[in-house]
């Protein structure tokens, strides 16, 4: 069974930091673009960041650029999201995703082949 499992979510004060991890199993995700999306209550799932399979190029939503950093370790089948200077509006369930290059270039949920189960991030103001 192909799985993506997130961890690292939690409660943090505004201005703080969290690091999310996503480990893949049952499938080698090293040739996939990997990304992070988030969904706040009552809102649609939105793109946060993506990274090409090589790890050499990253793409960010404007709302997180300069505060979040996506990275990956293909030997560990793992992708990370370092989140700094967190704001209350970053509160959401964060989902790990894997897909083709279209995931990286468009950030569209339609380009996602695999989803994780999500991890809650809550930022208190």
PDB file of N, CA and C in Angstrom:
ATOM      1  N   UNK A   1       0.837  -1.182   0.000  1.00  0.00           N
ATOM      2  CA  UNK A   1       0.000   0.000   0.000  1.00  0.00           C
ATOM      3  C   UNK A   1       0.879   1.242   0.000  1.00  0.00           C
ATOM      4  N   UNK A   2       0.561   2.179  -0.900  1.00  0.00           N
ATOM      5  CA  UNK A   2       1.339   3.408  -1.003  1.00  0.00           C
ATOM      6  C   UNK A   2       0.827   4.410   0.009  1.00  0.00           C
ATOM      7  N   UNK A   3       1.738   4.869   0.894  1.00  0.00           N
ATOM      8  CA  UNK A   3       1.333   5.762   1.966  1.00  0.00           C
ATOM      9  C   UNK A   3       2.258   6.952   2.099  1.00  0.00           C
ATOM     10  N   UNK A   4       1.665   8.083   2.463  1.00  0.00           N
ATOM     11  CA  UNK A   4       2.406   9.255   2.890  1.00  0.00           C
ATOM     12  C   UNK A   4       1.920   9.570   4.299  1.00  0.00           C
ATOM     13  N   UNK A   5       2.838   9.666   5.243  1.00  0.00           N
ATOM     14  CA  UNK A   5       2.466   9.894   6.635  1.00  0.00           C
ATOM     15  C   UNK A   5       3.164  11.141   7.147  1.00  0.00           C
ATOM     16  N   UNK A   6       2.340  12.120   7.555  1.00  0.00           N
ATOM     17  CA  UNK A   6       2.871  13.385   8.081  1.00  0.00           C
ATOM     18  C   UNK A   6       3.048  13.310   9.593  1.00  0.00           C
ATOM     19  N   UNK A   7       3.947  14.137  10.083  1.00  0.00           N
ATOM     20  CA  UNK A   7       4.129  14.316  11.520  1.00  0.00           C
ATOM     21  C   UNK A   7       4.705  15.707  11.759  1.00  0.00           C
ATOM     22  N   UNK A   8       4.679  16.128  13.026  1.00  0.00           N
ATOM     23  CA  UNK A   8       5.294  17.396  13.384  1.00  0.00           C
ATOM     24  C   UNK A   8       4.335  18.540  13.633  1.00  0.00           C
ATOM     25  N   UNK A   9       3.051  18.314  13.399  1.00  0.00           N
ATOM     26  CA  UNK A   9       2.085  19.364  13.672  1.00  0.00           C
ATOM     27  C   UNK A   9       1.912  19.586  15.165  1.00  0.00           C
ATOM     28  N   UNK A  10       1.189  20.653  15.510  1.00  0.00           N
ATOM     29  CA  UNK A  10       0.947  20.942  16.923  1.00  0.00           C
ATOM     30  C   UNK A  10       0.488  22.354  17.127  1.00  0.00           C
ATOM     31  N   UNK A  11       0.548  22.788  18.381  1.00  0.00           N
ATOM     32  CA  UNK A  11       0.144  24.130  18.774  1.00  0.00           C
ATOM     33  C   UNK A  11       1.380  24.975  19.021  1.00  0.00           C
ATOM     34  N   UNK A  12       1.407  26.161  18.438  1.00  0.00           N
ATOM     35  CA  UNK A  12       2.555  27.052  18.585  1.00  0.00           C
ATOM     36  C   UNK A  12       2.049  28.487  18.661  1.00  0.00           C
ATOM     37  N   UNK A  13       2.793  29.326  19.349  1.00  0.00           N
ATOM     38  CA  UNK A  13       2.426  30.743  19.418  1.00  0.00           C
ATOM     39  C   UNK A  13       2.830  31.464  18.138  1.00  0.00           C
ATOM     40  N   UNK A  14       2.133  32.523  17.851  1.00  0.00           N
ATOM     41  CA  UNK A  14       2.482  33.346  16.697  1.00  0.00           C
ATOM     42  C   UNK A  14       3.938  33.790  16.804  1.00  0.00           C
ATOM     43  N   UNK A  15       4.628  33.719  15.659  1.00  0.00           N
ATOM     44  CA  UNK A  15       6.046  34.042  15.632  1.00  0.00           C
ATOM     45  C   UNK A  15       6.949  32.844  15.830  1.00  0.00           C
ATOM     46  N   UNK A  16       6.364  31.727  16.224  1.00  0.00           N
ATOM     47  CA  UNK A  16       7.127  30.523  16.472  1.00  0.00           C
ATOM     48  C   UNK A  16       7.376  29.712  15.213  1.00  0.00           C
ATOM     49  N   UNK A  17       7.957  28.526  15.414  1.00  0.00           N
ATOM     50  CA  UNK A  17       8.340  27.666  14.293  1.00  0.00           C
ATOM     51  C   UNK A  17       7.881  26.237  14.530  1.00  0.00           C
ATOM     52  N   UNK A  18       7.649  25.548  13.423  1.00  0.00           N
ATOM     53  CA  UNK A  18       7.380  24.119  13.433  1.00  0.00           C
ATOM     54  C   UNK A  18       8.041  23.503  12.208  1.00  0.00           C
ATOM     55  N   UNK A  19       8.368  22.218  12.319  1.00  0.00           N
ATOM     56  CA  UNK A  19       8.903  21.483  11.178  1.00  0.00           C
ATOM     57  C   UNK A  19       8.042  20.251  10.945  1.00  0.00           C
ATOM     58  N   UNK A  20       7.426  20.215   9.783  1.00  0.00           N
ATOM     59  CA  UNK A  20       6.626  19.062   9.403  1.00  0.00           C
ATOM     60  C   UNK A  20       7.475  18.075   8.611  1.00  0.00           C
ATOM     61  N   UNK A  21       7.196  16.805   8.800  1.00  0.00           N
ATOM     62  CA  UNK A  21       7.858  15.748   8.040  1.00  0.00           C
ATOM     63  C   UNK A  21       6.803  14.878   7.368  1.00  0.00           C
ATOM     64  N   UNK A  22       7.176  14.288   6.252  1.00  0.00           N
ATOM     65  CA  UNK A  22       6.280  13.386   5.538  1.00  0.00           C
ATOM     66  C   UNK A  22       7.121  12.228   5.012  1.00  0.00           C
ATOM     67  N   UNK A  23       6.813  11.039   5.481  1.00  0.00           N
ATOM     68  CA  UNK A  23       7.553   9.851   5.072  1.00  0.00           C
ATOM     69  C   UNK A  23       6.698   9.005   4.148  1.00  0.00           C
ATOM     70  N   UNK A  24       7.279   8.605   3.035  1.00  0.00           N
ATOM     71  CA  UNK A  24       6.585   7.745   2.093  1.00  0.00           C
ATOM     72  C   UNK A  24       6.941   6.293   2.320  1.00  0.00           C
ATOM     73  N   UNK A  25       5.976   5.418   2.094  1.00  0.00           N
ATOM     74  CA  UNK A  25       6.224   3.979   2.213  1.00  0.00           C
ATOM     75  C   UNK A  25       5.411   3.242   1.174  1.00  0.00           C
ATOM     76  N   UNK A  26       5.867   2.025   0.846  1.00  0.00           N
ATOM     77  CA  UNK A  26       5.177   1.206  -0.133  1.00  0.00           C
ATOM     78  C   UNK A  26       5.407   1.642  -1.562  1.00  0.00           C
ATOM     79  N   UNK A  27       6.142   2.704  -1.733  1.00  0.00           N
ATOM     80  CA  UNK A  27       6.367   3.256  -3.070  1.00  0.00           C
ATOM     81  C   UNK A  27       7.590   4.147  -2.984  1.00  0.00           C
ATOM     82  N   UNK A  28       8.378   4.176  -4.041  1.00  0.00           N
ATOM     83  CA  UNK A  28       9.524   5.072  -4.074  1.00  0.00           C
ATOM     84  C   UNK A  28       9.079   6.412  -4.635  1.00  0.00           C
ATOM     85  N   UNK A  29       9.070   7.410  -3.778  1.00  0.00           N
ATOM     86  CA  UNK A  29       8.596   8.727  -4.192  1.00  0.00           C
ATOM     87  C   UNK A  29       9.720   9.625  -4.687  1.00  0.00           C
ATOM     88  N   UNK A  30      10.922   9.074  -4.796  1.00  0.00           N
ATOM     89  CA  UNK A  30      12.072   9.910  -5.153  1.00  0.00           C
ATOM     90  C   UNK A  30      11.958  10.500  -6.552  1.00  0.00           C
ATOM     91  N   UNK A  31      11.152   9.887  -7.428  1.00  0.00           N
ATOM     92  CA  UNK A  31      10.996  10.415  -8.776  1.00  0.00           C
ATOM     93  C   UNK A  31       9.753  11.295  -8.924  1.00  0.00           C
ATOM     94  N   UNK A  32       9.083  11.557  -7.809  1.00  0.00           N
ATOM     95  CA  UNK A  32       7.899  12.397  -7.827  1.00  0.00           C
ATOM     96  C   UNK A  32       8.224  13.801  -7.346  1.00  0.00           C
ATOM     97  N   UNK A  33       7.531  14.798  -7.880  1.00  0.00           N
ATOM     98  CA  UNK A  33       7.489  16.090  -7.223  1.00  0.00           C
ATOM     99  C   UNK A  33       6.691  15.905  -5.931  1.00  0.00           C
ATOM    100  N   UNK A  34       7.121  16.584  -4.887  1.00  0.00           N
ATOM    101  CA  UNK A  34       6.448  16.498  -3.596  1.00  0.00           C
ATOM    102  C   UNK A  34       5.973  17.888  -3.194  1.00  0.00           C
ATOM    103  N   UNK A  35       4.882  17.921  -2.469  1.00  0.00           N
ATOM    104  CA  UNK A  35       4.361  19.229  -2.079  1.00  0.00           C
ATOM    105  C   UNK A  35       3.624  19.196  -0.760  1.00  0.00           C
ATOM    106  N   UNK A  36       3.286  20.387  -0.297  1.00  0.00           N
ATOM    107  CA  UNK A  36       2.463  20.565   0.884  1.00  0.00           C
ATOM    108  C   UNK A  36       1.271  21.455   0.518  1.00  0.00           C
ATOM    109  N   UNK A  37       0.120  21.056   0.998  1.00  0.00           N
ATOM    110  CA  UNK A  37      -1.104  21.828   0.875  1.00  0.00           C
ATOM    111  C   UNK A  37      -1.666  22.015   2.277  1.00  0.00           C
ATOM    112  N   UNK A  38      -2.614  22.933   2.407  1.00  0.00           N
ATOM    113  CA  UNK A  38      -3.269  23.108   3.699  1.00  0.00           C
ATOM    114  C   UNK A  38      -4.741  23.440   3.495  1.00  0.00           C
ATOM    115  N   UNK A  39      -5.520  23.118   4.523  1.00  0.00           N
ATOM    116  CA  UNK A  39      -6.947  23.386   4.466  1.00  0.00           C
ATOM    117  C   UNK A  39      -7.422  23.872   5.825  1.00  0.00           C
ATOM    118  N   UNK A  40      -7.916  25.098   5.830  1.00  0.00           N
ATOM    119  CA  UNK A  40      -8.487  25.687   7.043  1.00  0.00           C
ATOM    120  C   UNK A  40      -9.982  25.397   7.073  1.00  0.00           C
ATOM    121  N   UNK A  41     -10.602  25.437   8.243  1.00  0.00           N
ATOM    122  CA  UNK A  41     -12.039  25.159   8.341  1.00  0.00           C
ATOM    123  C   UNK A  41     -12.858  26.071   7.440  1.00  0.00           C
ATOM    124  N   UNK A  42     -13.731  25.473   6.658  1.00  0.00           N
ATOM    125  CA  UNK A  42     -14.609  26.236   5.791  1.00  0.00           C
ATOM    126  C   UNK A  42     -13.955  26.750   4.520  1.00  0.00           C
ATOM    127  N   UNK A  43     -12.700  26.372   4.293  1.00  0.00           N
ATOM    128  CA  UNK A  43     -11.988  26.853   3.104  1.00  0.00           C
ATOM    129  C   UNK A  43     -11.549  25.682   2.237  1.00  0.00           C
ATOM    130  N   UNK A  44     -11.229  25.986   1.000  1.00  0.00           N
ATOM    131  CA  UNK A  44     -10.741  24.962   0.089  1.00  0.00           C
ATOM    132  C   UNK A  44      -9.270  24.639   0.402  1.00  0.00           C
ATOM    133  N   UNK A  45      -8.873  23.453   0.006  1.00  0.00           N
ATOM    134  CA  UNK A  45      -7.475  23.070   0.160  1.00  0.00           C
ATOM    135  C   UNK A  45      -6.627  23.935  -0.759  1.00  0.00           C
ATOM    136  N   UNK A  46      -5.531  24.479  -0.225  1.00  0.00           N
ATOM    137  CA  UNK A  46      -4.709  25.382  -1.007  1.00  0.00           C
ATOM    138  C   UNK A  46      -3.251  24.948  -1.020  1.00  0.00           C
ATOM    139  N   UNK A  47      -2.588  25.328  -2.089  1.00  0.00           N
ATOM    140  CA  UNK A  47      -1.177  25.019  -2.283  1.00  0.00           C
ATOM    141  C   UNK A  47      -0.316  25.828  -1.329  1.00  0.00           C
ATOM    142  N   UNK A  48       0.727  25.177  -0.784  1.00  0.00           N
ATOM    143  CA  UNK A  48       1.678  25.852   0.094  1.00  0.00           C
ATOM    144  C   UNK A  48       3.068  25.884  -0.549  1.00  0.00           C
ATOM    145  N   UNK A  49       3.581  24.703  -0.912  1.00  0.00           N
ATOM    146  CA  UNK A  49       4.936  24.622  -1.456  1.00  0.00           C
ATOM    147  C   UNK A  49       5.114  23.307  -2.188  1.00  0.00           C
ATOM    148  N   UNK A  50       6.070  23.288  -3.124  1.00  0.00           N
ATOM    149  CA  UNK A  50       6.388  22.060  -3.850  1.00  0.00           C
ATOM    150  C   UNK A  50       7.862  22.052  -4.194  1.00  0.00           C
ATOM    151  N   UNK A  51       8.378  20.852  -4.415  1.00  0.00           N
ATOM    152  CA  UNK A  51       9.790  20.673  -4.738  1.00  0.00           C
ATOM    153  C   UNK A  51       9.916  19.584  -5.784  1.00  0.00           C
ATOM    154  N   UNK A  52      10.778  19.813  -6.761  1.00  0.00           N
ATOM    155  CA  UNK A  52      10.997  18.828  -7.810  1.00  0.00           C
ATOM    156  C   UNK A  52      11.684  17.577  -7.255  1.00  0.00           C
ATOM    157  N   UNK A  53      11.597  16.471  -7.994  1.00  0.00           N
ATOM    158  CA  UNK A  53      12.173  15.216  -7.520  1.00  0.00           C
ATOM    159  C   UNK A  53      13.661  15.360  -7.224  1.00  0.00           C
ATOM    160  N   UNK A  54      14.354  16.221  -7.976  1.00  0.00           N
ATOM    161  CA  UNK A  54      15.795  16.403  -7.799  1.00  0.00           C
ATOM    162  C   UNK A  54      16.116  17.209  -6.541  1.00  0.00           C
ATOM    163  N   UNK A  55      15.118  17.929  -6.026  1.00  0.00           N
ATOM    164  CA  UNK A  55      15.365  18.799  -4.888  1.00  0.00           C
ATOM    165  C   UNK A  55      16.018  20.119  -5.256  1.00  0.00           C
ATOM    166  N   UNK A  56      16.214  20.352  -6.555  1.00  0.00           N
ATOM    167  CA  UNK A  56      16.975  21.533  -6.985  1.00  0.00           C
ATOM    168  C   UNK A  56      16.103  22.753  -7.223  1.00  0.00           C
ATOM    169  N   UNK A  57      14.798  22.592  -7.201  1.00  0.00           N
ATOM    170  CA  UNK A  57      13.942  23.737  -7.460  1.00  0.00           C
ATOM    171  C   UNK A  57      12.701  23.668  -6.589  1.00  0.00           C
ATOM    172  N   UNK A  58      12.304  24.833  -6.048  1.00  0.00           N
ATOM    173  CA  UNK A  58      11.179  24.923  -5.129  1.00  0.00           C
ATOM    174  C   UNK A  58      10.194  25.974  -5.627  1.00  0.00           C
ATOM    175  N   UNK A  59       8.961  25.800  -5.205  1.00  0.00           N
ATOM    176  CA  UNK A  59       7.886  26.709  -5.611  1.00  0.00           C
ATOM    177  C   UNK A  59       7.035  26.969  -4.367  1.00  0.00           C
ATOM    178  N   UNK A  60       6.732  28.248  -4.092  1.00  0.00           N
ATOM    179  CA  UNK A  60       5.995  28.601  -2.887  1.00  0.00           C
ATOM    180  C   UNK A  60       4.775  29.459  -3.214  1.00  0.00           C
ATOM    181  N   UNK A  61       3.747  29.302  -2.400  1.00  0.00           N
ATOM    182  CA  UNK A  61       2.642  30.253  -2.449  1.00  0.00           C
ATOM    183  C   UNK A  61       3.138  31.590  -1.915  1.00  0.00           C
ATOM    184  N   UNK A  62       2.583  32.660  -2.428  1.00  0.00           N
ATOM    185  CA  UNK A  62       3.050  33.993  -2.034  1.00  0.00           C
ATOM    186  C   UNK A  62       2.833  34.249  -0.545  1.00  0.00           C
ATOM    187  N   UNK A  63       1.827  33.597   0.030  1.00  0.00           N
ATOM    188  CA  UNK A  63       1.498  33.826   1.437  1.00  0.00           C
ATOM    189  C   UNK A  63       2.540  33.250   2.390  1.00  0.00           C
ATOM    190  N   UNK A  64       3.374  32.330   1.922  1.00  0.00           N
ATOM    191  CA  UNK A  64       4.357  31.700   2.801  1.00  0.00           C
ATOM    192  C   UNK A  64       5.796  31.945   2.358  1.00  0.00           C
ATOM    193  N   UNK A  65       5.982  32.543   1.204  1.00  0.00           N
ATOM    194  CA  UNK A  65       7.324  32.739   0.667  1.00  0.00           C
ATOM    195  C   UNK A  65       8.146  33.594   1.622  1.00  0.00           C
ATOM    196  N   UNK A  66       9.360  33.138   1.893  1.00  0.00           N
ATOM    197  CA  UNK A  66      10.230  33.849   2.819  1.00  0.00           C
ATOM    198  C   UNK A  66      10.082  33.392   4.257  1.00  0.00           C
ATOM    199  N   UNK A  67       9.019  32.633   4.553  1.00  0.00           N
ATOM    200  CA  UNK A  67       8.811  32.129   5.916  1.00  0.00           C
ATOM    201  C   UNK A  67       8.909  30.593   5.971  1.00  0.00           C
ATOM    202  N   UNK A  68       8.481  29.924   4.911  1.00  0.00           N
ATOM    203  CA  UNK A  68       8.489  28.463   4.869  1.00  0.00           C
ATOM    204  C   UNK A  68       9.568  27.978   3.908  1.00  0.00           C
ATOM    205  N   UNK A  69      10.127  26.810   4.218  1.00  0.00           N
ATOM    206  CA  UNK A  69      11.119  26.183   3.348  1.00  0.00           C
ATOM    207  C   UNK A  69      10.800  24.708   3.195  1.00  0.00           C
ATOM    208  N   UNK A  70      10.686  24.273   1.949  1.00  0.00           N
ATOM    209  CA  UNK A  70      10.463  22.862   1.664  1.00  0.00           C
ATOM    210  C   UNK A  70      11.791  22.226   1.275  1.00  0.00           C
ATOM    211  N   UNK A  71      11.992  20.992   1.717  1.00  0.00           N
ATOM    212  CA  UNK A  71      13.203  20.256   1.365  1.00  0.00           C
ATOM    213  C   UNK A  71      12.873  18.765   1.328  1.00  0.00           C
ATOM    214  N   UNK A  72      13.790  17.988   0.793  1.00  0.00           N
ATOM    215  CA  UNK A  72      13.538  16.555   0.726  1.00  0.00           C
ATOM    216  C   UNK A  72      14.826  15.777   0.870  1.00  0.00           C
ATOM    217  N   UNK A  73      14.681  14.538   1.328  1.00  0.00           N
ATOM    218  CA  UNK A  73      15.793  13.591   1.438  1.00  0.00           C
ATOM    219  C   UNK A  73      15.321  12.310   0.748  1.00  0.00           C
ATOM    220  N   UNK A  74      15.718  12.128  -0.489  1.00  0.00           N
ATOM    221  CA  UNK A  74      15.219  10.985  -1.264  1.00  0.00           C
ATOM    222  C   UNK A  74      15.706   9.655  -0.694  1.00  0.00           C
ATOM    223  N   UNK A  75      16.865   9.648  -0.063  1.00  0.00           N
ATOM    224  CA  UNK A  75      17.366   8.408   0.541  1.00  0.00           C
ATOM    225  C   UNK A  75      16.445   7.944   1.673  1.00  0.00           C
ATOM    226  N   UNK A  76      15.763   8.892   2.297  1.00  0.00           N
ATOM    227  CA  UNK A  76      14.847   8.572   3.393  1.00  0.00           C
ATOM    228  C   UNK A  76      13.392   8.603   2.957  1.00  0.00           C
ATOM    229  N   UNK A  77      13.163   8.866   1.653  1.00  0.00           N
ATOM    230  CA  UNK A  77      11.782   8.955   1.148  1.00  0.00           C
ATOM    231  C   UNK A  77      10.967   9.952   1.967  1.00  0.00           C
ATOM    232  N   UNK A  78      11.584  11.080   2.289  1.00  0.00           N
ATOM    233  CA  UNK A  78      10.990  12.039   3.217  1.00  0.00           C
ATOM    234  C   UNK A  78      11.044  13.451   2.645  1.00  0.00           C
ATOM    235  N   UNK A  79       9.984  14.201   2.887  1.00  0.00           N
ATOM    236  CA  UNK A  79       9.950  15.618   2.545  1.00  0.00           C
ATOM    237  C   UNK A  79       9.617  16.400   3.816  1.00  0.00           C
ATOM    238  N   UNK A  80      10.178  17.602   3.912  1.00  0.00           N
ATOM    239  CA  UNK A  80      10.031  18.432   5.102  1.00  0.00           C
ATOM    240  C   UNK A  80       9.412  19.784   4.739  1.00  0.00           C
ATOM    241  N   UNK A  81       8.803  20.393   5.739  1.00  0.00           N
ATOM    242  CA  UNK A  81       8.354  21.782   5.601  1.00  0.00           C
ATOM    243  C   UNK A  81       8.737  22.515   6.883  1.00  0.00           C
ATOM    244  N   UNK A  82       9.740  23.374   6.775  1.00  0.00           N
ATOM    245  CA  UNK A  82      10.154  24.202   7.900  1.00  0.00           C
ATOM    246  C   UNK A  82       9.320  25.474   7.859  1.00  0.00           C
ATOM    247  N   UNK A  83       8.602  25.726   8.938  1.00  0.00           N
ATOM    248  CA  UNK A  83       7.706  26.881   8.995  1.00  0.00           C
ATOM    249  C   UNK A  83       8.179  27.820  10.089  1.00  0.00           C
ATOM    250  N   UNK A  84       8.572  29.019   9.696  1.00  0.00           N
ATOM    251  CA  UNK A  84       9.039  30.043  10.636  1.00  0.00           C
ATOM    252  C   UNK A  84       8.097  31.243  10.624  1.00  0.00           C
ATOM    253  N   UNK A  85       8.211  32.069  11.632  1.00  0.00           N
ATOM    254  CA  UNK A  85       7.399  33.287  11.740  1.00  0.00           C
ATOM    255  C   UNK A  85       5.926  32.977  11.514  1.00  0.00           C
ATOM    256  N   UNK A  86       5.444  31.973  12.184  1.00  0.00           N
ATOM    257  CA  UNK A  86       4.070  31.527  11.971  1.00  0.00           C
ATOM    258  C   UNK A  86       3.056  32.574  12.407  1.00  0.00           C
ATOM    259  N   UNK A  87       1.957  32.635  11.661  1.00  0.00           N
ATOM    260  CA  UNK A  87       0.873  33.573  11.907  1.00  0.00           C
ATOM    261  C   UNK A  87      -0.412  32.793  12.180  1.00  0.00           C
ATOM    262  N   UNK A  88      -1.372  33.462  12.783  1.00  0.00           N
ATOM    263  CA  UNK A  88      -2.633  32.788  13.088  1.00  0.00           C
ATOM    264  C   UNK A  88      -3.302  32.274  11.819  1.00  0.00           C
ATOM    265  N   UNK A  89      -3.114  32.993  10.709  1.00  0.00           N
ATOM    266  CA  UNK A  89      -3.730  32.569   9.449  1.00  0.00           C
ATOM    267  C   UNK A  89      -3.067  31.341   8.841  1.00  0.00           C
ATOM    268  N   UNK A  90      -1.977  30.867   9.431  1.00  0.00           N
ATOM    269  CA  UNK A  90      -1.367  29.613   8.984  1.00  0.00           C
ATOM    270  C   UNK A  90      -2.057  28.398   9.610  1.00  0.00           C
ATOM    271  N   UNK A  91      -2.969  28.635  10.530  1.00  0.00           N
ATOM    272  CA  UNK A  91      -3.690  27.538  11.173  1.00  0.00           C
ATOM    273  C   UNK A  91      -4.496  26.752  10.148  1.00  0.00           C
ATOM    274  N   UNK A  92      -4.250  25.447  10.082  1.00  0.00           N
ATOM    275  CA  UNK A  92      -4.907  24.587   9.101  1.00  0.00           C
ATOM    276  C   UNK A  92      -4.449  23.147   9.311  1.00  0.00           C
ATOM    277  N   UNK A  93      -5.098  22.250   8.609  1.00  0.00           N
ATOM    278  CA  UNK A  93      -4.569  20.891   8.475  1.00  0.00           C
ATOM    279  C   UNK A  93      -3.636  20.893   7.275  1.00  0.00           C
ATOM    280  N   UNK A  94      -2.435  20.408   7.473  1.00  0.00           N
ATOM    281  CA  UNK A  94      -1.425  20.390   6.432  1.00  0.00           C
ATOM    282  C   UNK A  94      -1.302  18.976   5.860  1.00  0.00           C
ATOM    283  N   UNK A  95      -1.337  18.915   4.523  1.00  0.00           N
ATOM    284  CA  UNK A  95      -1.299  17.638   3.813  1.00  0.00           C
ATOM    285  C   UNK A  95      -0.054  17.535   2.946  1.00  0.00           C
ATOM    286  N   UNK A  96       0.576  16.400   3.011  1.00  0.00           N
ATOM    287  CA  UNK A  96       1.684  16.068   2.125  1.00  0.00           C
ATOM    288  C   UNK A  96       1.100  15.500   0.830  1.00  0.00           C
ATOM    289  N   UNK A  97       1.786  15.751  -0.284  1.00  0.00           N
ATOM    290  CA  UNK A  97       1.275  15.298  -1.573  1.00  0.00           C
ATOM    291  C   UNK A  97       2.424  14.900  -2.481  1.00  0.00           C
ATOM    292  N   UNK A  98       2.141  13.976  -3.396  1.00  0.00           N
ATOM    293  CA  UNK A  98       3.118  13.557  -4.398  1.00  0.00           C
ATOM    294  C   UNK A  98       2.443  13.537  -5.754  1.00  0.00           C
ATOM    295  N   UNK A  99       3.191  13.954  -6.772  1.00  0.00           N
ATOM    296  CA  UNK A  99       2.635  13.971  -8.115  1.00  0.00           C
ATOM    297  C   UNK A  99       3.723  14.177  -9.139  1.00  0.00           C
ATOM    298  N   UNK A 100       3.293  14.452 -10.367  1.00  0.00           N
ATOM    299  CA  UNK A 100       4.240  14.702 -11.433  1.00  0.00           C
ATOM    300  C   UNK A 100       4.740  16.137 -11.418  1.00  0.00           C
ATOM    301  N   UNK A 101       5.446  16.506 -12.474  1.00  0.00           N
ATOM    302  CA  UNK A 101       5.997  17.860 -12.548  1.00  0.00           C
ATOM    303  C   UNK A 101       4.893  18.927 -12.552  1.00  0.00           C
ATOM    304  N   UNK A 102       3.699  18.543 -12.968  1.00  0.00           N
ATOM    305  CA  UNK A 102       2.578  19.477 -12.953  1.00  0.00           C
ATOM    306  C   UNK A 102       2.244  19.953 -11.547  1.00  0.00           C
ATOM    307  N   UNK A 103       2.471  19.098 -10.562  1.00  0.00           N
ATOM    308  CA  UNK A 103       2.256  19.493  -9.174  1.00  0.00           C
ATOM    309  C   UNK A 103       3.172  20.646  -8.812  1.00  0.00           C
ATOM    310  N   UNK A 104       4.409  20.552  -9.244  1.00  0.00           N
ATOM    311  CA  UNK A 104       5.388  21.601  -8.967  1.00  0.00           C
ATOM    312  C   UNK A 104       5.040  22.894  -9.712  1.00  0.00           C
ATOM    313  N   UNK A 105       4.708  22.781 -10.991  1.00  0.00           N
ATOM    314  CA  UNK A 105       4.551  23.982 -11.810  1.00  0.00           C
ATOM    315  C   UNK A 105       3.213  24.687 -11.594  1.00  0.00           C
ATOM    316  N   UNK A 106       2.162  23.930 -11.244  1.00  0.00           N
ATOM    317  CA  UNK A 106       0.836  24.552 -11.120  1.00  0.00           C
ATOM    318  C   UNK A 106       0.341  24.644  -9.682  1.00  0.00           C
ATOM    319  N   UNK A 107       0.807  23.752  -8.803  1.00  0.00           N
ATOM    320  CA  UNK A 107       0.291  23.735  -7.435  1.00  0.00           C
ATOM    321  C   UNK A 107      -1.173  23.346  -7.366  1.00  0.00           C
ATOM    322  N   UNK A 108      -1.659  22.675  -8.372  1.00  0.00           N
ATOM    323  CA  UNK A 108      -3.072  22.312  -8.425  1.00  0.00           C
ATOM    324  C   UNK A 108      -3.328  20.965  -7.739  1.00  0.00           C
ATOM    325  N   UNK A 109      -4.433  20.880  -7.008  1.00  0.00           N
ATOM    326  CA  UNK A 109      -4.804  19.612  -6.373  1.00  0.00           C
ATOM    327  C   UNK A 109      -5.077  18.550  -7.422  1.00  0.00           C
ATOM    328  N   UNK A 110      -5.412  18.990  -8.638  1.00  0.00           N
ATOM    329  CA  UNK A 110      -5.684  18.034  -9.725  1.00  0.00           C
ATOM    330  C   UNK A 110      -4.432  17.277 -10.144  1.00  0.00           C
ATOM    331  N   UNK A 111      -3.255  17.823  -9.810  1.00  0.00           N
ATOM    332  CA  UNK A 111      -1.984  17.211 -10.209  1.00  0.00           C
ATOM    333  C   UNK A 111      -1.438  16.257  -9.158  1.00  0.00           C
ATOM    334  N   UNK A 112      -2.194  16.047  -8.063  1.00  0.00           N
ATOM    335  CA  UNK A 112      -1.738  15.203  -6.966  1.00  0.00           C
ATOM    336  C   UNK A 112      -2.155  13.748  -7.216  1.00  0.00           C
ATOM    337  N   UNK A 113      -1.177  12.855  -7.116  1.00  0.00           N
ATOM    338  CA  UNK A 113      -1.448  11.423  -7.262  1.00  0.00           C
ATOM    339  C   UNK A 113      -1.625  10.731  -5.906  1.00  0.00           C
ATOM    340  N   UNK A 114      -0.916  11.222  -4.889  1.00  0.00           N
ATOM    341  CA  UNK A 114      -0.980  10.619  -3.558  1.00  0.00           C
ATOM    342  C   UNK A 114      -1.125  11.725  -2.513  1.00  0.00           C
ATOM    343  N   UNK A 115      -1.963  11.441  -1.507  1.00  0.00           N
ATOM    344  CA  UNK A 115      -2.163  12.360  -0.387  1.00  0.00           C
ATOM    345  C   UNK A 115      -1.808  11.671   0.927  1.00  0.00           C
ATOM    346  N   UNK A 116      -1.289  12.478   1.855  1.00  0.00           N
ATOM    347  CA  UNK A 116      -1.170  12.009   3.228  1.00  0.00           C
ATOM    348  C   UNK A 116      -2.478  12.232   3.962  1.00  0.00           C
ATOM    349  N   UNK A 117      -2.510  11.829   5.226  1.00  0.00           N
ATOM    350  CA  UNK A 117      -3.754  11.910   5.999  1.00  0.00           C
ATOM    351  C   UNK A 117      -3.931  13.279   6.664  1.00  0.00           C
ATOM    352  N   UNK A 118      -2.868  14.069   6.709  1.00  0.00           N
ATOM    353  CA  UNK A 118      -2.946  15.418   7.266  1.00  0.00           C
ATOM    354  C   UNK A 118      -2.461  15.498   8.698  1.00  0.00           C
ATOM    355  N   UNK A 119      -1.926  16.664   9.056  1.00  0.00           N
ATOM    356  CA  UNK A 119      -1.500  16.945  10.424  1.00  0.00           C
ATOM    357  C   UNK A 119      -1.934  18.363  10.779  1.00  0.00           C
ATOM    358  N   UNK A 120      -2.475  18.527  11.978  1.00  0.00           N
ATOM    359  CA  UNK A 120      -3.036  19.812  12.382  1.00  0.00           C
ATOM    360  C   UNK A 120      -1.935  20.756  12.860  1.00  0.00           C
ATOM    361  N   UNK A 121      -1.976  21.982  12.357  1.00  0.00           N
ATOM    362  CA  UNK A 121      -1.112  23.058  12.838  1.00  0.00           C
ATOM    363  C   UNK A 121      -2.015  24.171  13.354  1.00  0.00           C
ATOM    364  N   UNK A 122      -1.826  24.541  14.610  1.00  0.00           N
ATOM    365  CA  UNK A 122      -2.618  25.604  15.215  1.00  0.00           C
ATOM    366  C   UNK A 122      -1.680  26.675  15.741  1.00  0.00           C
ATOM    367  N   UNK A 123      -1.884  27.906  15.272  1.00  0.00           N
ATOM    368  CA  UNK A 123      -1.055  29.027  15.688  1.00  0.00           C
ATOM    369  C   UNK A 123      -1.926  29.963  16.517  1.00  0.00           C
ATOM    370  N   UNK A 124      -1.535  30.143  17.768  1.00  0.00           N
ATOM    371  CA  UNK A 124      -2.296  31.010  18.669  1.00  0.00           C
ATOM    372  C   UNK A 124      -1.714  32.425  18.626  1.00  0.00           C
ATOM    373  N   UNK A 125      -2.629  33.394  18.648  1.00  0.00           N
ATOM    374  CA  UNK A 125      -2.170  34.793  18.561  1.00  0.00           C
ATOM    375  C   UNK A 125      -2.065  35.424  19.938  1.00  0.00           C
TER     376      UNK A 125
END
